[in-house]
Amino acid sequence: MTLFKLEFRLMARERGAWVLLGLLAGALVYGLWNGGGVAARQREAATALAQSSDEFLSQVKQALGQQAIDPKAVAGRGTMAVLPPAPLPLLATGQSDLSPGHESVVLWKLAASGETRSELENPSRLLAGHFDLAFVLVWLFPLCLLAMVYDLMAGDRESGTLRLALAQGITPWRWMARRALARSLPILALAALATLGAGLFSGTSGAGLRGVLAVAVVLAYGLFWVALAVAVNAVARSAASAATSLGAAWVLLVLVAPTLLNVTVETLHPTPSRPELVAAGRKASGEAEKRGGELLNSFYRDHPELAPPGQQADFAAQHLTVQTEVGRAVEPVRQKFDEQLAQQQAAVNRWRFISPAIAAHEALTDLAGTGYWRHRAFRDQVNAFKKSVADFYTPKIHLRQTLTMADFERLPRFAFREESTGAWLGRVSSGLLGMLALSALLSAWVWRRLSPARLGALAA
């Protein structure tokens, strides 16, 4: 304990340590503020869309109270499917700036792709991503840690004072561990407080457990970098070589490894291009429109219960039949896109431990509710909702039935269902345990390296 206090006091007298802490604190606060601004804009947009949808339903109910109305009027307006705000939006922006959080489900456009954005955004900014709290924690947080703990033993070995330091009757392992704890504690505390603040200020239900797990992920991520610094100091002969080695490790694990994994995954599981999907849709649409009458007659032969009196179908019925054919033709391309995207994500989950930065970022976005899995659940539920919209309106339009007050409660409404706690908890727990396992392996190696039997070689 005396060594811990002494090291802490020595660090408190270093002006550079205070400057480093101030820079990290400023980056964390700015990341929270910037992420909060993005979350607020998305929350306002979701609220406005939900209110607009509720107002339209209220108007429909009022109109049905007076008379029956044509279902084409309601189906043409569409129903808005909105993804609710993320549980921890201040923690990470994730895919929320790339994947749309809402989609207008219109009966006449069910075959069209829903991957569109209603707002304009600079493509360069989307490529770089937002400066949020997760960015600070994954990129800058380990740099600050390494700047504080890069010289735990290498400098003493270089100056020849290592034997004198270890002559106080403490084992090299304990001496190194206490120095590392004293110098890393302020950085770890700042990161943990900022992460906890992201959970406290989110103001959403269920943020408590997610916030606690986010703090655990951040601390486990920081523990890995401290263990790596201790391991490098166990073999480095000078402070300069230790700093160079740790800097190279940061570049390799935070910059190079994620990039190589991304390139490898996209090469092994390439997704069809968007132009291919658009071209397939246009080709199918052109061919189906030419065969509109034939498709409609074939549809009525297969579904005679939906045939109108005298087989006299109108334009709306023919359009629905053409749209069904277009959807059938485009579905293989769309399904291949989804399958390849799922395989890419599975590969990332399988190999994420080649870099703790990947594991930490995946866990933080998953906890924030802005990662791949929540957005995929939204897309899957929207696709299922489209089917329910078609099943409800298509028979009425073919049979030329009107909507009455009895149909109001059965009107298709979208309600997003969050995945079970066990699903995201399992993914986050595996990432957390993986980072702890890497730290344990490094610590075990250092413990053997710094055993008293090798003390003479270390101090030489």
Protein backbone atom coordinates (compact mmCIF):
# COMPACT_ATOMS: atom_id res chain seq x y z
CA MET A 1 0.00 0.00 0.00
CA THR A 2 2.93 2.33 0.76
CA LEU A 3 4.34 1.81 -2.73
CA PHE A 4 0.92 2.52 -4.25
CA LYS A 5 0.60 5.82 -2.35
CA LEU A 6 4.15 6.83 -3.22
CA GLU A 7 3.64 6.15 -6.91
CA PHE A 8 0.34 8.03 -6.84
CA ARG A 9 1.99 11.07 -5.23
CA LEU A 10 4.83 11.03 -7.73
CA MET A 11 2.35 10.90 -10.59
CA ALA A 12 0.34 13.79 -9.08
CA ARG A 13 3.45 15.98 -9.27
CA GLU A 14 3.85 15.38 -13.01
CA ARG A 15 2.44 18.24 -15.06
CA GLY A 16 2.14 15.98 -18.09
CA ALA A 17 -0.15 13.61 -16.19
CA TRP A 18 -2.58 16.43 -15.40
CA VAL A 19 -2.50 17.63 -19.01
CA LEU A 20 -3.25 14.09 -20.21
CA LEU A 21 -6.13 13.70 -17.77
CA GLY A 22 -7.54 17.07 -18.85
CA LEU A 23 -7.38 16.13 -22.53
CA LEU A 24 -9.09 12.80 -21.91
CA ALA A 25 -11.78 14.41 -19.77
CA GLY A 26 -12.43 16.99 -22.47
CA ALA A 27 -12.67 14.30 -25.15
CA LEU A 28 -15.07 12.24 -23.03
CA VAL A 29 -17.31 15.24 -22.33
CA TYR A 30 -17.33 16.24 -26.00
CA GLY A 31 -18.10 12.66 -27.03
CA LEU A 32 -21.07 12.60 -24.63
CA TRP A 33 -22.28 15.98 -25.83
CA ASN A 34 -21.92 15.13 -29.52
CA GLY A 35 -23.59 11.75 -29.09
CA GLY A 36 -26.37 13.42 -27.12
CA GLY A 37 -27.00 15.82 -30.00
CA VAL A 38 -27.29 12.97 -32.51
CA ALA A 39 -29.59 11.05 -30.16
CA ALA A 40 -31.78 14.11 -29.59
CA ARG A 41 -32.25 14.69 -33.33
CA GLN A 42 -33.15 11.06 -33.89
CA ARG A 43 -35.54 11.08 -30.92
CA GLU A 44 -37.28 14.23 -32.22
CA ALA A 45 -37.63 12.69 -35.68
CA ALA A 46 -39.07 9.45 -34.26
CA THR A 47 -41.50 11.39 -32.06
CA ALA A 48 -42.68 13.57 -34.95
CA LEU A 49 -43.24 10.55 -37.17
CA ALA A 50 -45.14 8.69 -34.46
CA GLN A 51 -47.34 11.73 -33.82
CA SER A 52 -48.07 12.11 -37.54
CA SER A 53 -49.07 8.45 -37.74
CA ASP A 54 -51.33 8.75 -34.69
CA GLU A 55 -52.98 11.87 -36.12
CA PHE A 56 -53.70 10.08 -39.38
CA LEU A 57 -55.26 7.14 -37.55
CA SER A 58 -57.39 9.58 -35.57
CA GLN A 59 -58.60 11.15 -38.82
CA VAL A 60 -59.38 7.71 -40.24
CA LYS A 61 -61.37 6.82 -37.14
CA GLN A 62 -63.31 10.07 -37.35
CA ALA A 63 -64.08 9.49 -41.03
CA LEU A 64 -65.19 5.91 -40.40
CA GLY A 65 -67.54 7.17 -37.74
CA GLN A 66 -69.41 9.06 -40.43
CA GLN A 67 -69.26 6.72 -43.42
CA ALA A 68 -67.41 3.80 -44.98
CA ILE A 69 -64.28 4.78 -46.92
CA ASP A 70 -62.29 3.34 -49.79
CA PRO A 71 -59.35 1.19 -48.54
CA LYS A 72 -57.16 2.56 -51.34
CA ALA A 73 -57.21 5.99 -49.68
CA VAL A 74 -55.84 4.60 -46.41
CA ALA A 75 -53.40 2.18 -48.05
CA GLY A 76 -52.06 4.97 -50.29
CA ARG A 77 -51.20 7.10 -47.25
CA GLY A 78 -49.18 4.25 -45.75
CA THR A 79 -48.21 3.37 -42.21
CA MET A 80 -45.01 4.60 -40.60
CA ALA A 81 -42.77 1.94 -39.03
CA VAL A 82 -40.51 3.63 -36.49
CA LEU A 83 -37.61 2.17 -34.55
CA PRO A 84 -37.88 3.42 -30.95
CA PRO A 85 -34.94 5.37 -29.46
CA ALA A 86 -31.96 3.26 -28.45
CA PRO A 87 -31.64 2.22 -24.79
CA LEU A 88 -28.22 3.94 -24.39
CA PRO A 89 -27.96 6.43 -27.26
CA LEU A 90 -25.26 8.53 -25.56
CA LEU A 91 -22.88 5.59 -25.46
CA ALA A 92 -22.47 4.94 -29.19
CA THR A 93 -23.98 6.18 -32.45
CA GLY A 94 -23.28 2.82 -34.08
CA GLN A 95 -25.28 2.14 -37.24
CA SER A 96 -28.03 4.63 -36.40
CA ASP A 97 -26.51 7.20 -38.78
CA LEU A 98 -26.33 4.66 -41.62
CA SER A 99 -29.37 2.40 -41.24
CA PRO A 100 -32.76 4.15 -41.44
CA GLY A 101 -34.70 4.17 -38.19
CA HIS A 102 -38.06 4.54 -39.91
CA GLU A 103 -39.82 3.43 -43.07
CA SER A 104 -43.12 4.37 -44.64
CA VAL A 105 -44.95 1.16 -45.53
CA VAL A 106 -47.21 1.97 -48.48
CA LEU A 107 -49.24 -0.76 -50.13
CA TRP A 108 -48.30 0.38 -53.65
CA LYS A 109 -44.55 0.35 -52.87
CA LEU A 110 -44.09 -2.87 -50.94
CA ALA A 111 -41.72 -4.27 -53.56
CA ALA A 112 -39.45 -1.21 -53.39
CA SER A 113 -36.31 -1.27 -51.27
CA GLY A 114 -36.69 0.36 -47.87
CA GLU A 115 -32.97 1.15 -47.55
CA THR A 116 -33.39 4.84 -48.26
CA ARG A 117 -32.65 7.93 -46.22
CA SER A 118 -35.03 10.86 -46.04
CA GLU A 119 -32.37 13.30 -44.82
CA LEU A 120 -29.24 14.53 -46.56
CA GLU A 121 -25.91 13.72 -44.94
CA ASN A 122 -22.34 14.33 -46.08
CA PRO A 123 -21.03 10.94 -47.33
CA SER A 124 -17.55 11.72 -46.01
CA ARG A 125 -18.98 12.29 -42.55
CA LEU A 126 -20.94 9.05 -42.71
CA LEU A 127 -17.77 7.21 -43.73
CA ALA A 128 -15.73 8.68 -40.87
CA GLY A 129 -18.51 8.29 -38.31
CA HIS A 130 -19.51 10.56 -35.47
CA PHE A 131 -17.20 11.58 -32.64
CA ASP A 132 -19.12 9.86 -29.88
CA LEU A 133 -18.24 8.34 -26.53
CA ALA A 134 -17.52 4.92 -28.04
CA PHE A 135 -14.97 6.52 -30.38
CA VAL A 136 -13.13 8.06 -27.42
CA LEU A 137 -13.25 4.84 -25.42
CA VAL A 138 -12.07 2.57 -28.24
CA TRP A 139 -9.46 4.84 -29.83
CA LEU A 140 -8.22 7.51 -27.41
CA PHE A 141 -8.72 5.80 -24.05
CA PRO A 142 -6.00 3.13 -24.65
CA LEU A 143 -3.58 5.80 -25.92
CA CYS A 144 -3.97 7.75 -22.69
CA LEU A 145 -3.52 4.58 -20.65
CA LEU A 146 -0.34 3.65 -22.50
CA ALA A 147 1.03 7.17 -22.05
CA MET A 148 0.65 6.75 -18.28
CA VAL A 149 1.99 3.21 -17.90
CA TYR A 150 4.49 2.76 -20.73
CA ASP A 151 7.49 3.12 -18.36
CA LEU A 152 6.85 0.86 -15.38
CA MET A 153 10.16 -1.01 -15.35
CA ALA A 154 12.02 -0.35 -18.59
CA GLY A 155 13.31 3.06 -17.45
CA ASP A 156 14.62 1.65 -14.15
CA ARG A 157 16.34 -1.18 -16.01
CA GLU A 158 17.92 1.34 -18.41
CA SER A 159 19.19 3.59 -15.59
CA GLY A 160 20.44 0.68 -13.50
CA THR A 161 18.19 1.41 -10.50
CA LEU A 162 16.04 -1.72 -10.86
CA ARG A 163 18.05 -3.70 -8.31
CA LEU A 164 17.77 -0.86 -5.81
CA ALA A 165 14.00 -0.66 -6.29
CA LEU A 166 13.54 -4.40 -5.84
CA ALA A 167 15.83 -4.54 -2.79
CA GLN A 168 12.90 -3.38 -0.61
CA GLY A 169 11.70 -6.97 -0.19
CA ILE A 170 8.82 -6.92 -2.70
CA THR A 171 8.52 -9.35 -5.60
CA PRO A 172 8.89 -7.90 -9.11
CA TRP A 173 5.31 -8.91 -9.98
CA ARG A 174 3.75 -7.09 -7.05
CA TRP A 175 5.97 -4.08 -7.55
CA MET A 176 4.97 -3.81 -11.20
CA ALA A 177 1.27 -4.46 -10.50
CA ARG A 178 1.03 -1.73 -7.84
CA ARG A 179 2.81 0.80 -10.00
CA ALA A 180 0.53 -0.05 -12.92
CA LEU A 181 -2.60 0.26 -10.77
CA ALA A 182 -1.53 3.61 -9.31
CA ARG A 183 -0.76 5.13 -12.71
CA SER A 184 -3.75 3.70 -14.58
CA LEU A 185 -6.40 4.30 -11.91
CA PRO A 186 -7.18 7.97 -12.81
CA ILE A 187 -7.60 7.12 -16.51
CA LEU A 188 -9.78 4.09 -15.73
CA ALA A 189 -11.88 6.14 -13.30
CA LEU A 190 -12.52 8.89 -15.89
CA ALA A 191 -13.58 6.37 -18.53
CA ALA A 192 -15.82 4.49 -16.10
CA LEU A 193 -17.50 7.70 -14.87
CA ALA A 194 -18.18 8.87 -18.43
CA THR A 195 -19.65 5.48 -19.36
CA LEU A 196 -21.78 5.45 -16.23
CA GLY A 197 -22.95 8.98 -17.06
CA ALA A 198 -24.04 7.79 -20.52
CA GLY A 199 -26.33 5.31 -18.78
CA LEU A 200 -27.64 7.73 -16.15
CA PHE A 201 -28.43 10.54 -18.61
CA SER A 202 -30.08 8.33 -21.22
CA GLY A 203 -33.37 8.39 -19.35
CA THR A 204 -34.67 5.17 -20.92
CA SER A 205 -36.05 2.05 -19.31
CA GLY A 206 -33.60 -0.81 -18.89
CA ALA A 207 -30.58 1.48 -19.06
CA GLY A 208 -29.36 0.43 -15.60
CA LEU A 209 -28.16 -3.09 -16.47
CA ARG A 210 -26.81 -1.96 -19.81
CA GLY A 211 -24.90 0.90 -18.16
CA VAL A 212 -23.30 -1.38 -15.57
CA LEU A 213 -22.25 -3.85 -18.26
CA ALA A 214 -20.86 -1.00 -20.37
CA VAL A 215 -18.67 0.06 -17.44
CA ALA A 216 -17.49 -3.55 -17.09
CA VAL A 217 -16.63 -3.69 -20.81
CA VAL A 218 -14.66 -0.43 -20.60
CA LEU A 219 -12.73 -1.57 -17.53
CA ALA A 220 -11.97 -4.96 -19.12
CA TYR A 221 -10.77 -3.17 -22.26
CA GLY A 222 -8.55 -0.90 -20.18
CA LEU A 223 -7.25 -3.87 -18.18
CA PHE A 224 -6.05 -5.49 -21.40
CA TRP A 225 -3.98 -2.45 -22.34
CA VAL A 226 -2.50 -2.21 -18.85
CA ALA A 227 -1.61 -5.92 -18.97
CA LEU A 228 -0.03 -5.39 -22.39
CA ALA A 229 2.05 -2.48 -21.04
CA VAL A 230 3.20 -4.61 -18.11
CA ALA A 231 4.15 -7.44 -20.51
CA VAL A 232 6.17 -5.10 -22.73
CA ASN A 233 7.95 -3.61 -19.70
CA ALA A 234 8.90 -7.10 -18.59
CA VAL A 235 11.13 -7.50 -21.65
CA ALA A 236 11.94 -3.95 -22.83
CA ARG A 237 15.47 -2.72 -22.17
CA SER A 238 14.67 1.01 -22.31
CA ALA A 239 11.76 3.37 -21.92
CA ALA A 240 12.05 4.38 -25.58
CA SER A 241 11.79 0.78 -26.79
CA ALA A 242 8.78 0.20 -24.50
CA ALA A 243 7.03 3.30 -25.84
CA THR A 244 7.78 2.31 -29.45
CA SER A 245 6.54 -1.25 -28.93
CA LEU A 246 3.31 -0.13 -27.26
CA GLY A 247 2.68 2.48 -29.94
CA ALA A 248 3.13 -0.16 -32.62
CA ALA A 249 0.77 -2.49 -30.73
CA TRP A 250 -1.89 0.25 -30.61
CA VAL A 251 -1.59 0.84 -34.36
CA LEU A 252 -1.75 -2.89 -35.06
CA LEU A 253 -4.69 -3.69 -32.78
CA VAL A 254 -6.80 -0.54 -33.20
CA LEU A 255 -6.10 0.46 -36.81
CA VAL A 256 -4.62 -2.38 -38.83
CA ALA A 257 -6.43 -5.45 -37.47
CA PRO A 258 -10.01 -4.04 -37.81
CA THR A 259 -9.24 -2.86 -41.34
CA LEU A 260 -7.80 -6.22 -42.38
CA LEU A 261 -10.74 -8.06 -40.83
CA ASN A 262 -13.20 -5.81 -42.67
CA VAL A 263 -11.44 -6.35 -46.01
CA THR A 264 -11.23 -10.11 -45.44
CA VAL A 265 -14.89 -10.43 -44.47
CA GLU A 266 -16.06 -8.41 -47.47
CA THR A 267 -13.86 -10.52 -49.76
CA LEU A 268 -15.09 -13.85 -48.39
CA HIS A 269 -18.75 -12.82 -48.21
CA PRO A 270 -19.33 -10.07 -50.83
CA THR A 271 -22.77 -8.52 -50.87
CA PRO A 272 -24.59 -7.78 -54.14
CA SER A 273 -24.29 -4.17 -55.18
CA ARG A 274 -27.18 -1.76 -54.78
CA PRO A 275 -27.22 -1.04 -58.55
CA GLU A 276 -27.77 -4.78 -59.12
CA LEU A 277 -30.81 -4.72 -56.84
CA VAL A 278 -32.18 -1.59 -58.53
CA ALA A 279 -31.56 -3.03 -62.00
CA ALA A 280 -33.30 -6.28 -61.08
CA GLY A 281 -36.30 -4.34 -59.80
CA ARG A 282 -36.56 -2.21 -62.93
CA LYS A 283 -36.24 -5.20 -65.22
CA ALA A 284 -38.86 -7.16 -63.31
CA SER A 285 -41.17 -4.14 -63.21
CA GLY A 286 -40.95 -3.62 -66.97
CA GLU A 287 -41.62 -7.25 -67.79
CA ALA A 288 -44.47 -7.51 -65.27
CA GLU A 289 -46.21 -4.38 -66.58
CA LYS A 290 -46.17 -5.82 -70.09
CA ARG A 291 -47.85 -8.95 -68.79
CA GLY A 292 -50.19 -7.14 -66.39
CA GLY A 293 -53.44 -8.55 -67.76
CA GLU A 294 -52.03 -12.04 -68.03
CA LEU A 295 -50.72 -11.94 -64.46
CA LEU A 296 -54.06 -10.71 -63.17
CA ASN A 297 -55.99 -13.47 -64.91
CA SER A 298 -53.54 -16.03 -63.57
CA PHE A 299 -53.95 -14.57 -60.08
CA TYR A 300 -57.73 -14.88 -60.25
CA ARG A 301 -57.45 -18.45 -61.48
CA ASP A 302 -55.33 -19.28 -58.43
CA HIS A 303 -57.49 -17.20 -56.07
CA PRO A 304 -61.07 -17.31 -57.38
CA GLU A 305 -62.41 -16.15 -53.99
CA LEU A 306 -60.79 -12.74 -54.66
CA ALA A 307 -62.16 -12.28 -58.17
CA PRO A 308 -64.54 -9.30 -58.47
CA PRO A 309 -67.98 -9.67 -60.07
CA GLY A 310 -67.63 -10.27 -63.78
CA GLN A 311 -63.83 -10.49 -63.51
CA GLN A 312 -63.74 -6.74 -64.18
CA ALA A 313 -60.65 -5.68 -62.26
CA ASP A 314 -59.58 -2.07 -61.96
CA PHE A 315 -56.13 -0.48 -62.21
CA ALA A 316 -55.43 -0.89 -58.49
CA ALA A 317 -55.97 -4.66 -58.62
CA GLN A 318 -53.69 -4.97 -61.63
CA HIS A 319 -51.03 -2.84 -59.95
CA LEU A 320 -51.06 -5.08 -56.87
CA THR A 321 -50.64 -8.16 -59.06
CA VAL A 322 -47.74 -6.57 -60.93
CA GLN A 323 -46.13 -5.56 -57.65
CA THR A 324 -46.38 -9.11 -56.32
CA GLU A 325 -44.60 -10.38 -59.42
CA VAL A 326 -41.87 -7.72 -59.06
CA GLY A 327 -41.36 -8.67 -55.42
CA ARG A 328 -41.07 -12.34 -56.36
CA ALA A 329 -38.44 -11.55 -59.02
CA VAL A 330 -36.36 -9.26 -56.79
CA GLU A 331 -36.56 -11.43 -53.68
CA PRO A 332 -33.59 -13.72 -54.58
CA VAL A 333 -31.24 -10.72 -54.91
CA ARG A 334 -32.54 -9.16 -51.70
CA GLN A 335 -32.31 -12.47 -49.85
CA LYS A 336 -28.74 -12.98 -51.03
CA PHE A 337 -27.87 -9.50 -49.78
CA ASP A 338 -29.28 -10.24 -46.34
CA GLU A 339 -27.60 -13.64 -46.16
CA GLN A 340 -24.19 -12.27 -47.10
CA LEU A 341 -24.58 -9.44 -44.59
CA ALA A 342 -25.46 -11.94 -41.87
CA GLN A 343 -22.44 -14.07 -42.77
CA GLN A 344 -20.22 -10.99 -42.59
CA GLN A 345 -21.47 -10.19 -39.10
CA ALA A 346 -21.06 -13.82 -38.02
CA ALA A 347 -17.46 -13.76 -39.25
CA VAL A 348 -16.79 -10.54 -37.33
CA ASN A 349 -18.24 -12.10 -34.18
CA ARG A 350 -16.09 -15.19 -34.67
CA TRP A 351 -12.80 -13.33 -35.22
CA ARG A 352 -13.35 -10.19 -33.14
CA PHE A 353 -10.85 -11.27 -30.50
CA ILE A 354 -7.91 -10.78 -32.86
CA SER A 355 -8.31 -7.19 -31.69
CA PRO A 356 -9.83 -6.19 -28.32
CA ALA A 357 -10.83 -2.92 -30.02
CA ILE A 358 -13.27 -4.85 -32.24
CA ALA A 359 -14.66 -6.80 -29.29
CA ALA A 360 -15.08 -3.63 -27.20
CA HIS A 361 -16.76 -1.67 -30.01
CA GLU A 362 -19.14 -4.53 -30.83
CA ALA A 363 -20.09 -4.85 -27.16
CA LEU A 364 -20.58 -1.09 -26.67
CA THR A 365 -22.80 -0.66 -29.76
CA ASP A 366 -24.78 -3.75 -28.76
CA LEU A 367 -25.34 -2.32 -25.28
CA ALA A 368 -26.22 1.08 -26.73
CA GLY A 369 -28.85 -0.51 -28.96
CA THR A 370 -27.34 1.03 -32.09
CA GLY A 371 -25.53 -2.03 -33.40
CA TYR A 372 -26.18 -4.50 -36.19
CA TRP A 373 -28.51 -6.85 -34.34
CA ARG A 374 -31.15 -4.32 -33.28
CA HIS A 375 -31.27 -2.74 -36.73
CA ARG A 376 -31.52 -6.17 -38.33
CA ALA A 377 -34.44 -7.02 -36.01
CA PHE A 378 -36.11 -3.79 -37.15
CA ARG A 379 -35.69 -4.67 -40.84
CA ASP A 380 -37.02 -8.18 -40.27
CA GLN A 381 -40.06 -6.89 -38.40
CA VAL A 382 -40.73 -4.27 -41.10
CA ASN A 383 -40.68 -7.02 -43.76
CA ALA A 384 -43.16 -9.05 -41.71
CA PHE A 385 -45.30 -5.93 -41.29
CA LYS A 386 -45.35 -5.41 -45.05
CA LYS A 387 -46.83 -8.86 -45.45
CA SER A 388 -49.55 -8.10 -42.90
CA VAL A 389 -50.37 -4.86 -44.76
CA ALA A 390 -50.69 -6.76 -48.03
CA ASP A 391 -52.79 -9.50 -46.43
CA PHE A 392 -55.20 -6.93 -44.97
CA TYR A 393 -55.72 -4.55 -47.93
CA THR A 394 -55.28 -6.79 -50.97
CA PRO A 395 -58.50 -8.85 -50.56
CA LYS A 396 -60.56 -5.71 -49.93
CA ILE A 397 -59.22 -3.97 -53.02
CA HIS A 398 -59.78 -6.98 -55.26
CA LEU A 399 -63.31 -7.51 -53.91
CA ARG A 400 -63.94 -3.73 -53.89
CA GLN A 401 -64.97 -3.77 -50.27
CA THR A 402 -64.99 -0.63 -48.15
CA LEU A 403 -63.54 0.01 -44.72
CA THR A 404 -66.00 0.33 -41.85
CA MET A 405 -65.66 1.13 -38.16
CA ALA A 406 -65.44 -2.60 -37.48
CA ASP A 407 -62.20 -2.68 -39.48
CA PHE A 408 -60.51 0.15 -37.56
CA GLU A 409 -59.10 -1.98 -34.74
CA ARG A 410 -57.79 -4.45 -37.30
CA LEU A 411 -55.87 -1.84 -39.30
CA PRO A 412 -52.17 -2.88 -39.51
CA ARG A 413 -50.07 -1.03 -36.94
CA PHE A 414 -46.34 -1.40 -36.44
CA ALA A 415 -44.97 -2.04 -32.95
CA PHE A 416 -41.29 -2.86 -32.61
CA ARG A 417 -40.47 -5.82 -30.34
CA GLU A 418 -37.14 -5.61 -28.57
CA GLU A 419 -35.08 -8.78 -28.52
CA SER A 420 -34.89 -10.71 -25.27
CA THR A 421 -32.40 -9.71 -22.60
CA GLY A 422 -30.71 -13.09 -22.87
CA ALA A 423 -29.91 -12.54 -26.57
CA TRP A 424 -27.89 -9.33 -26.21
CA LEU A 425 -26.59 -10.33 -22.79
CA GLY A 426 -25.04 -13.48 -24.27
CA ARG A 427 -23.25 -11.53 -27.01
CA VAL A 428 -21.93 -8.88 -24.63
CA SER A 429 -20.87 -11.44 -22.02
CA SER A 430 -18.85 -13.41 -24.58
CA GLY A 431 -17.01 -10.24 -25.61
CA LEU A 432 -16.40 -9.26 -21.99
CA LEU A 433 -15.11 -12.71 -21.04
CA GLY A 434 -12.92 -12.81 -24.14
CA MET A 435 -11.15 -9.56 -23.20
CA LEU A 436 -10.71 -10.76 -19.62
CA ALA A 437 -9.23 -14.02 -20.91
CA LEU A 438 -6.70 -12.14 -23.05
CA SER A 439 -5.73 -10.03 -20.03
CA ALA A 440 -5.39 -13.16 -17.88
CA LEU A 441 -3.10 -14.81 -20.44
CA LEU A 442 -0.86 -11.73 -20.56
CA SER A 443 -0.82 -11.50 -16.77
CA ALA A 444 0.08 -15.18 -16.41
CA TRP A 445 2.96 -14.77 -18.83
CA VAL A 446 4.23 -11.68 -16.97
CA TRP A 447 3.93 -13.48 -13.64
CA ARG A 448 6.23 -16.21 -14.90
CA ARG A 449 8.54 -13.70 -16.51
CA LEU A 450 8.85 -11.71 -13.29
CA SER A 451 9.32 -14.68 -10.98
CA PRO A 452 12.07 -14.33 -8.32
CA ALA A 453 14.08 -17.00 -10.13
CA ARG A 454 14.57 -14.59 -13.04
CA LEU A 455 15.19 -11.54 -10.92
CA GLY A 456 18.89 -11.50 -11.65
CA ALA A 457 18.34 -11.57 -15.42
CA LEU A 458 15.70 -8.83 -15.21
CA ALA A 459 17.83 -6.48 -13.18
CA ALA A 460 20.94 -7.03 -15.28
